[in-house]
C-alpha atoms as a PDB file:
ATOM      1  CA  MET A   1      -0.126   0.106  -0.098  1.00  0.00           C
ATOM      2  CA  ALA A   2       2.951   2.403   0.863  1.00  0.00           C
ATOM      3  CA  PHE A   3       4.851   1.391  -2.709  1.00  0.00           C
ATOM      4  CA  LEU A   4       1.384   2.305  -4.534  1.00  0.00           C
ATOM      5  CA  LEU A   5       1.050   5.637  -2.694  1.00  0.00           C
ATOM      6  CA  LYS A   6       4.683   6.421  -3.395  1.00  0.00           C
ATOM      7  CA  SER A   7       4.201   5.560  -7.219  1.00  0.00           C
ATOM      8  CA  LEU A   8       0.754   7.433  -7.858  1.00  0.00           C
ATOM      9  CA  PRO A   9       2.362  10.752  -8.316  1.00  0.00           C
ATOM     10  CA  ALA A  10       4.872   9.533 -10.985  1.00  0.00           C
ATOM     11  CA  ILE A  11       2.302   7.301 -12.586  1.00  0.00           C
ATOM     12  CA  LEU A  12      -0.037  10.156 -12.940  1.00  0.00           C
ATOM     13  CA  PHE A  13       2.576  13.040 -14.087  1.00  0.00           C
ATOM     14  CA  TRP A  14       3.903  10.230 -16.835  1.00  0.00           C
ATOM     15  CA  GLY A  15       0.088   9.861 -17.839  1.00  0.00           C
ATOM     16  CA  VAL A  16      -0.155  13.944 -17.941  1.00  0.00           C
ATOM     17  CA  PHE A  17       3.033  13.755 -20.274  1.00  0.00           C
ATOM     18  CA  ILE A  18       2.146  11.074 -22.383  1.00  0.00           C
ATOM     19  CA  PHE A  19      -1.224  13.356 -23.120  1.00  0.00           C
ATOM     20  CA  ILE A  20       1.438  16.112 -23.458  1.00  0.00           C
ATOM     21  CA  ILE A  21       3.325  14.293 -26.366  1.00  0.00           C
ATOM     22  CA  LEU A  22      -0.048  13.021 -27.971  1.00  0.00           C
ATOM     23  CA  ASN A  23      -2.301  16.231 -27.767  1.00  0.00           C
ATOM     24  CA  ILE A  24       0.532  19.326 -28.451  1.00  0.00           C
ATOM     25  CA  PRO A  25       1.273  19.859 -31.859  1.00  0.00           C
ATOM     26  CA  TYR A  26       5.289  19.743 -32.093  1.00  0.00           C
ATOM     27  CA  PRO A  27       7.661  22.325 -34.053  1.00  0.00           C
ATOM     28  CA  ASP A  28       9.675  21.464 -36.639  1.00  0.00           C
ATOM     29  CA  SER A  29      12.913  22.144 -34.040  1.00  0.00           C
ATOM     30  CA  LEU A  30      13.537  24.004 -30.573  1.00  0.00           C
ATOM     31  CA  ALA A  31      14.071  27.263 -31.882  1.00  0.00           C
ATOM     32  CA  GLN A  32      10.481  27.110 -33.797  1.00  0.00           C
ATOM     33  CA  ALA A  33       9.067  25.890 -30.753  1.00  0.00           C
ATOM     34  CA  ASN A  34       6.966  28.551 -28.841  1.00  0.00           C
ATOM     35  CA  LEU A  35       6.855  29.000 -24.826  1.00  0.00           C
ATOM     36  CA  MET A  36       3.909  27.413 -23.733  1.00  0.00           C
ATOM     37  CA  GLN A  37       4.804  24.091 -26.163  1.00  0.00           C
ATOM     38  CA  ILE A  38       8.481  24.193 -24.724  1.00  0.00           C
ATOM     39  CA  ALA A  39       6.771  24.685 -21.251  1.00  0.00           C
ATOM     40  CA  LEU A  40       4.385  21.954 -20.854  1.00  0.00           C
ATOM     41  CA  PHE A  41       7.043  19.513 -22.367  1.00  0.00           C
ATOM     42  CA  PHE A  42       9.621  20.225 -19.967  1.00  0.00           C
ATOM     43  CA  VAL A  43       7.772  21.049 -16.703  1.00  0.00           C
ATOM     44  CA  SER A  44       5.590  17.821 -16.744  1.00  0.00           C
ATOM     45  CA  LEU A  45       8.632  15.848 -17.954  1.00  0.00           C
ATOM     46  CA  PHE A  46      10.496  16.908 -14.681  1.00  0.00           C
ATOM     47  CA  LEU A  47       8.206  16.300 -12.672  1.00  0.00           C
ATOM     48  CA  ALA A  48       7.109  12.666 -13.842  1.00  0.00           C
ATOM     49  CA  ILE A  49      11.411  11.869 -13.577  1.00  0.00           C
ATOM     50  CA  THR A  50      11.081  13.768 -10.161  1.00  0.00           C
ATOM     51  CA  PHE A  51       8.647  11.677  -8.782  1.00  0.00           C
ATOM     52  CA  THR A  52       9.768   8.344 -10.582  1.00  0.00           C
ATOM     53  CA  PHE A  53      13.054   8.866  -8.960  1.00  0.00           C
ATOM     54  CA  ASN A  54      11.925   9.978  -5.376  1.00  0.00           C
ATOM     55  CA  ILE A  55      10.117   6.583  -5.152  1.00  0.00           C
ATOM     56  CA  PHE A  56      13.941   5.068  -5.567  1.00  0.00           C
ATOM     57  CA  PHE A  57      15.957   7.546  -3.671  1.00  0.00           C
ATOM     58  CA  LYS A  58      13.443   8.291  -1.136  1.00  0.00           C
ATOM     59  CA  ASN A  59      13.824  12.043  -0.409  1.00  0.00           C
ATOM     60  CA  ILE A  60      12.568  14.274  -2.828  1.00  0.00           C
ATOM     61  CA  LEU A  61      15.454  16.895  -2.924  1.00  0.00           C
ATOM     62  CA  MET A  62      17.364  14.118  -4.013  1.00  0.00           C
ATOM     63  CA  ALA A  63      15.067  13.243  -7.006  1.00  0.00           C
ATOM     64  CA  LEU A  64      14.744  16.978  -7.640  1.00  0.00           C
ATOM     65  CA  SER A  65      18.772  17.460  -8.525  1.00  0.00           C
ATOM     66  CA  PHE A  66      18.780  13.966 -10.570  1.00  0.00           C
ATOM     67  CA  ALA A  67      15.651  15.121 -12.607  1.00  0.00           C
ATOM     68  CA  LEU A  68      17.267  18.832 -12.943  1.00  0.00           C
ATOM     69  CA  CYS A  69      20.343  17.322 -14.194  1.00  0.00           C
ATOM     70  CA  LEU A  70      18.557  15.055 -16.972  1.00  0.00           C
ATOM     71  CA  ILE A  71      16.815  17.577 -17.953  1.00  0.00           C
ATOM     72  CA  PHE A  72      19.305  20.094 -18.689  1.00  0.00           C
ATOM     73  CA  LEU A  73      21.282  16.840 -20.177  1.00  0.00           C
ATOM     74  CA  LEU A  74      17.954  17.351 -22.692  1.00  0.00           C
ATOM     75  CA  ILE A  75      18.025  20.794 -23.261  1.00  0.00           C
ATOM     76  CA  LEU A  76      22.004  20.829 -24.387  1.00  0.00           C
ATOM     77  CA  LYS A  77      21.205  17.468 -26.479  1.00  0.00           C
ATOM     78  CA  ALA A  78      18.030  19.293 -28.550  1.00  0.00           C
ATOM     79  CA  LEU A  79      20.262  22.306 -29.035  1.00  0.00           C
ATOM     80  CA  ASP A  80      23.158  20.896 -30.199  1.00  0.00           C
ATOM     81  CA  SER A  81      25.459  21.852 -27.560  1.00  0.00           C
ATOM     82  CA  LEU A  82      26.436  19.220 -25.184  1.00  0.00           C
ATOM     83  CA  ASN A  83      29.841  18.290 -25.718  1.00  0.00           C
ATOM     84  CA  ILE A  84      32.159  16.374 -23.130  1.00  0.00           C
ATOM     85  CA  VAL A  85      32.624  19.670 -20.789  1.00  0.00           C
ATOM     86  CA  THR A  86      29.157  20.803 -20.522  1.00  0.00           C
ATOM     87  CA  GLY A  87      28.408  17.290 -19.774  1.00  0.00           C
ATOM     88  CA  ILE A  88      31.054  16.790 -17.283  1.00  0.00           C
ATOM     89  CA  LEU A  89      29.883  20.220 -15.671  1.00  0.00           C
ATOM     90  CA  ILE A  90      26.335  19.702 -15.447  1.00  0.00           C
ATOM     91  CA  VAL A  91      26.834  15.912 -14.017  1.00  0.00           C
ATOM     92  CA  ILE A  92      29.284  17.323 -11.409  1.00  0.00           C
ATOM     93  CA  SER A  93      27.081  20.146 -10.417  1.00  0.00           C
ATOM     94  CA  ALA A  94      24.208  17.583  -9.551  1.00  0.00           C
ATOM     95  CA  GLY A  95      26.764  15.265  -7.947  1.00  0.00           C
ATOM     96  CA  LEU A  96      27.165  17.937  -5.630  1.00  0.00           C
ATOM     97  CA  LEU A  97      23.531  19.083  -5.700  1.00  0.00           C
ATOM     98  CA  PHE A  98      22.748  15.232  -4.917  1.00  0.00           C
ATOM     99  CA  SER A  99      25.470  15.059  -2.012  1.00  0.00           C
ATOM    100  CA  TYR A 100      24.171  17.770  -0.144  1.00  0.00           C
ATOM    101  CA  PHE A 101      21.116  16.338  -0.078  1.00  0.00           C
ATOM    102  CA  LYS A 102      22.017  13.055   1.028  1.00  0.00           C
ATOM    103  CA  LYS A 103      20.745  12.074   4.549  1.00  0.00           C
ATOM    104  CA  THR A 104      23.470  12.013   7.079  1.00  0.00           C
ATOM    105  CA  LYS A 105      23.241   9.258   9.674  1.00  0.00           C
ATOM    106  CA  LYS A 106      22.659  10.479  13.155  1.00  0.00           C
ATOM    107  CA  ARG A 107      25.120   9.303  15.641  1.00  0.00           C
ATOM    108  CA  ASN A 108      25.145   9.337  19.644  1.00  0.00           C
ATOM    109  CA  LEU A 109      28.018  11.275  20.830  1.00  0.00           C
ATOM    110  CA  THR A 110      27.520   8.885  24.172  1.00  0.00           C
ATOM    111  CA  LYS A 111      28.408   5.519  21.812  1.00  0.00           C
ATOM    112  CA  SER A 112      31.815   6.688  21.367  1.00  0.00           C
ATOM    113  CA  SER A 113      34.597   5.181  23.563  1.00  0.00           C
ATOM    114  CA  LYS A 114      36.462   8.793  23.143  1.00  0.00           C
ATOM    115  CA  ILE A 115      33.636   9.996  25.402  1.00  0.00           C
ATOM    116  CA  PRO A 116      32.746   8.757  29.209  1.00  0.00           C
ATOM    117  CA  LYS A 117      28.903   7.619  29.129  1.00  0.00           C
ATOM    118  CA  LEU A 118      26.675   9.887  31.682  1.00  0.00           C
ATOM    119  CA  THR A 119      25.757   8.559  34.607  1.00  0.00           C
ATOM    120  CA  HIS A 120      22.912   9.799  37.205  1.00  0.00           C
ATOM    121  CA  MET A 121      24.386  11.141  40.387  1.00  0.00           C
ATOM    122  CA  ARG A 122      23.010  10.087  44.015  1.00  0.00           C
END
């Protein structure tokens, strides 16, 4: 049941993305597309990728950074500006975002052998 609730937004946004692909008339090139066509396509794709990776990462901020990296790579590929340098820069920046939002494990200070445990005073 929990998996179904997690996957429901992803399924919904993939359905919206497929609906947009099938019903919005597509232009001949990216330069000829108007702002509404570009916004509908990339926003629905961004949300679909985000909620799909949120199922696996269990952290929406990490999923957002990963989806943002994929969207930037797709935009650069569509503009024919993707090369090894821009690809590496985008992957590094997404990796930094990804590592920033990674959950840190909470450590208990009293479990360390260097710090003596506190005891109750009588």
